[in-house]
Amino acid sequence: MAIDDQGNSPKSIMASLKEIAATVNTEALEPKEQLQVEIGEISEAGYCAGWTRDIEFYLWKIVLDGSETEFGIKTITTQEIANLRTLAEQSGGWWHWSDKENKSVFITLDEWQEIYQQFS
């Protein structure tokens, strides 16, 4: 069962992420699922939101820069940044919010690079 199939709202996605995190060691998840959990946890810790608007772009910029930074009420550490980078490499992709599907979707790194360049 993919965690992004549980519902379409950020609230239902976050509920699924919390359920998984509470019952499963996130390190036992596939890298792409673990990546989604990590993004959601950073969003929740920084802004109390399951998927902060444009978080995927903000986090990708941080992954590229590699420097610790403030995100709302949270400091994203260099360890978290390294973890996001590793998970992206292992999974071969990145999570992106799809307005069309009204949920986060996993896309390849090549697709993500195109989207990220257009956003930048």
C-alpha atoms as a PDB file:
ATOM      1  CA  MET A   1       0.000   0.000   0.000  1.00  0.00           C
ATOM      2  CA  ALA A   2       1.502   3.330  -1.037  1.00  0.00           C
ATOM      3  CA  ILE A   3       1.124   6.070   1.511  1.00  0.00           C
ATOM      4  CA  ASP A   4       0.069   8.623  -1.080  1.00  0.00           C
ATOM      5  CA  ASP A   5      -2.985   6.515  -2.050  1.00  0.00           C
ATOM      6  CA  GLN A   6      -4.767   7.019   1.281  1.00  0.00           C
ATOM      7  CA  GLY A   7      -6.390  10.353   0.449  1.00  0.00           C
ATOM      8  CA  ASN A   8      -5.951  13.513  -1.505  1.00  0.00           C
ATOM      9  CA  SER A   9      -5.705  16.203   1.143  1.00  0.00           C
ATOM     10  CA  PRO A  10      -2.481  17.201   2.874  1.00  0.00           C
ATOM     11  CA  LYS A  11      -4.234  16.429   6.168  1.00  0.00           C
ATOM     12  CA  SER A  12      -4.994  12.838   5.145  1.00  0.00           C
ATOM     13  CA  ILE A  13      -1.465  12.405   3.781  1.00  0.00           C
ATOM     14  CA  MET A  14      -0.008  13.631   7.062  1.00  0.00           C
ATOM     15  CA  ALA A  15      -2.288  11.300   9.001  1.00  0.00           C
ATOM     16  CA  SER A  16      -0.979   8.399   6.917  1.00  0.00           C
ATOM     17  CA  LEU A  17       2.610   9.508   7.464  1.00  0.00           C
ATOM     18  CA  LYS A  18       2.082   9.768  11.216  1.00  0.00           C
ATOM     19  CA  GLU A  19       0.455   6.333  11.283  1.00  0.00           C
ATOM     20  CA  ILE A  20       3.400   4.813   9.453  1.00  0.00           C
ATOM     21  CA  ALA A  21       5.947   6.625  11.620  1.00  0.00           C
ATOM     22  CA  ALA A  22       4.178   5.473  14.779  1.00  0.00           C
ATOM     23  CA  THR A  23       4.022   1.814  13.811  1.00  0.00           C
ATOM     24  CA  VAL A  24       7.038   1.261  11.584  1.00  0.00           C
ATOM     25  CA  ASN A  25      10.687   2.100  11.828  1.00  0.00           C
ATOM     26  CA  THR A  26      11.034   4.559   8.912  1.00  0.00           C
ATOM     27  CA  GLU A  27      14.387   3.009   8.053  1.00  0.00           C
ATOM     28  CA  ALA A  28      12.489  -0.178   7.119  1.00  0.00           C
ATOM     29  CA  LEU A  29      10.564   1.703   4.420  1.00  0.00           C
ATOM     30  CA  GLU A  30      11.580   1.846   0.781  1.00  0.00           C
ATOM     31  CA  PRO A  31      13.760   4.925   0.129  1.00  0.00           C
ATOM     32  CA  LYS A  32      11.023   6.778  -1.775  1.00  0.00           C
ATOM     33  CA  GLU A  33       8.501   6.211   1.026  1.00  0.00           C
ATOM     34  CA  GLN A  34      11.081   7.194   3.635  1.00  0.00           C
ATOM     35  CA  LEU A  35      11.773  10.359   1.617  1.00  0.00           C
ATOM     36  CA  GLN A  36       8.093  11.274   1.681  1.00  0.00           C
ATOM     37  CA  VAL A  37       7.964  10.695   5.438  1.00  0.00           C
ATOM     38  CA  GLU A  38      11.067  12.869   5.956  1.00  0.00           C
ATOM     39  CA  ILE A  39       9.634  15.728   3.880  1.00  0.00           C
ATOM     40  CA  GLY A  40       6.347  15.510   5.777  1.00  0.00           C
ATOM     41  CA  GLU A  41       8.082  15.468   9.162  1.00  0.00           C
ATOM     42  CA  ILE A  42      10.158  18.547   8.284  1.00  0.00           C
ATOM     43  CA  SER A  43       7.026  20.326   7.085  1.00  0.00           C
ATOM     44  CA  GLU A  44       5.151  19.402  10.257  1.00  0.00           C
ATOM     45  CA  ALA A  45       8.038  20.434  12.528  1.00  0.00           C
ATOM     46  CA  GLY A  46       8.571  23.746  10.758  1.00  0.00           C
ATOM     47  CA  TYR A  47       5.030  24.909  10.085  1.00  0.00           C
ATOM     48  CA  CYS A  48       2.668  22.346  11.664  1.00  0.00           C
ATOM     49  CA  ALA A  49       1.499  21.401   8.177  1.00  0.00           C
ATOM     50  CA  GLY A  50       1.643  18.031   6.451  1.00  0.00           C
ATOM     51  CA  TRP A  51       2.848  19.559   3.193  1.00  0.00           C
ATOM     52  CA  THR A  52       3.885  23.209   3.367  1.00  0.00           C
ATOM     53  CA  ARG A  53       3.355  25.031   0.082  1.00  0.00           C
ATOM     54  CA  ASP A  54       6.408  24.592  -2.186  1.00  0.00           C
ATOM     55  CA  ILE A  55       8.323  22.652   0.466  1.00  0.00           C
ATOM     56  CA  GLU A  56       9.728  20.346  -2.198  1.00  0.00           C
ATOM     57  CA  PHE A  57      11.412  23.317  -3.932  1.00  0.00           C
ATOM     58  CA  TYR A  58      12.718  24.784  -0.694  1.00  0.00           C
ATOM     59  CA  LEU A  59      14.148  21.463   0.474  1.00  0.00           C
ATOM     60  CA  TRP A  60      15.709  20.731  -2.911  1.00  0.00           C
ATOM     61  CA  LYS A  61      17.498  24.086  -2.823  1.00  0.00           C
ATOM     62  CA  ILE A  62      18.813  23.173   0.613  1.00  0.00           C
ATOM     63  CA  VAL A  63      19.886  19.724  -0.637  1.00  0.00           C
ATOM     64  CA  LEU A  64      21.851  21.436  -3.418  1.00  0.00           C
ATOM     65  CA  ASP A  65      23.370  24.078  -1.111  1.00  0.00           C
ATOM     66  CA  GLY A  66      24.004  21.692   1.767  1.00  0.00           C
ATOM     67  CA  SER A  67      23.812  24.350   4.442  1.00  0.00           C
ATOM     68  CA  GLU A  68      21.808  24.278   7.674  1.00  0.00           C
ATOM     69  CA  THR A  69      18.875  26.653   7.591  1.00  0.00           C
ATOM     70  CA  GLU A  70      15.780  27.816   9.417  1.00  0.00           C
ATOM     71  CA  PHE A  71      12.417  26.504   8.242  1.00  0.00           C
ATOM     72  CA  GLY A  72       9.615  28.077  10.237  1.00  0.00           C
ATOM     73  CA  ILE A  73      10.211  27.093  13.837  1.00  0.00           C
ATOM     74  CA  LYS A  74      12.650  24.314  12.910  1.00  0.00           C
ATOM     75  CA  THR A  75      16.302  24.280  11.994  1.00  0.00           C
ATOM     76  CA  ILE A  76      16.999  21.815   9.199  1.00  0.00           C
ATOM     77  CA  THR A  77      20.287  20.196  10.157  1.00  0.00           C
ATOM     78  CA  THR A  78      23.135  19.155   7.913  1.00  0.00           C
ATOM     79  CA  GLN A  79      22.349  15.539   8.888  1.00  0.00           C
ATOM     80  CA  GLU A  80      18.737  15.913   7.682  1.00  0.00           C
ATOM     81  CA  ILE A  81      19.978  17.489   4.466  1.00  0.00           C
ATOM     82  CA  ALA A  82      22.411  14.614   3.895  1.00  0.00           C
ATOM     83  CA  ASN A  83      19.605  12.150   4.592  1.00  0.00           C
ATOM     84  CA  LEU A  84      17.290  13.817   2.048  1.00  0.00           C
ATOM     85  CA  ARG A  85      20.096  13.768  -0.536  1.00  0.00           C
ATOM     86  CA  THR A  86      20.834  10.085   0.101  1.00  0.00           C
ATOM     87  CA  LEU A  87      17.164   9.106  -0.089  1.00  0.00           C
ATOM     88  CA  ALA A  88      16.732  11.032  -3.360  1.00  0.00           C
ATOM     89  CA  GLU A  89      19.743   9.252  -4.830  1.00  0.00           C
ATOM     90  CA  GLN A  90      18.654   5.822  -3.576  1.00  0.00           C
ATOM     91  CA  SER A  91      15.088   6.237  -4.824  1.00  0.00           C
ATOM     92  CA  GLY A  92      16.023   7.992  -8.051  1.00  0.00           C
ATOM     93  CA  GLY A  93      13.396  10.663  -7.544  1.00  0.00           C
ATOM     94  CA  TRP A  94      11.748  13.375  -5.475  1.00  0.00           C
ATOM     95  CA  TRP A  95       8.254  14.090  -4.189  1.00  0.00           C
ATOM     96  CA  HIS A  96       6.325  16.940  -5.804  1.00  0.00           C
ATOM     97  CA  TRP A  97       2.892  18.368  -5.014  1.00  0.00           C
ATOM     98  CA  SER A  98       0.586  17.890  -7.990  1.00  0.00           C
ATOM     99  CA  ASP A  99      -2.200  20.471  -8.095  1.00  0.00           C
ATOM    100  CA  LYS A 100      -3.867  18.376 -10.776  1.00  0.00           C
ATOM    101  CA  GLU A 101      -3.961  15.263  -8.570  1.00  0.00           C
ATOM    102  CA  ASN A 102      -4.191  17.251  -5.310  1.00  0.00           C
ATOM    103  CA  LYS A 103      -1.536  15.096  -3.654  1.00  0.00           C
ATOM    104  CA  SER A 104       2.196  14.543  -3.581  1.00  0.00           C
ATOM    105  CA  VAL A 105       3.515  12.372  -6.384  1.00  0.00           C
ATOM    106  CA  PHE A 106       6.856  10.694  -6.814  1.00  0.00           C
ATOM    107  CA  ILE A 107       8.743  11.641  -9.967  1.00  0.00           C
ATOM    108  CA  THR A 108      12.153  10.765 -11.375  1.00  0.00           C
ATOM    109  CA  LEU A 109      15.096  13.058 -10.717  1.00  0.00           C
ATOM    110  CA  ASP A 110      15.182  13.977 -14.431  1.00  0.00           C
ATOM    111  CA  GLU A 111      11.526  15.054 -14.309  1.00  0.00           C
ATOM    112  CA  TRP A 112      12.152  16.880 -11.045  1.00  0.00           C
ATOM    113  CA  GLN A 113      15.126  18.800 -12.445  1.00  0.00           C
ATOM    114  CA  GLU A 114      12.917  20.137 -15.255  1.00  0.00           C
ATOM    115  CA  ILE A 115      10.183  21.194 -12.839  1.00  0.00           C
ATOM    116  CA  TYR A 116      12.711  22.727 -10.451  1.00  0.00           C
ATOM    117  CA  GLN A 117      14.359  24.748 -13.235  1.00  0.00           C
ATOM    118  CA  GLN A 118      10.966  26.122 -14.315  1.00  0.00           C
ATOM    119  CA  PHE A 119      10.179  27.050 -10.696  1.00  0.00           C
ATOM    120  CA  SER A 120      13.537  28.758 -10.216  1.00  0.00           C
END
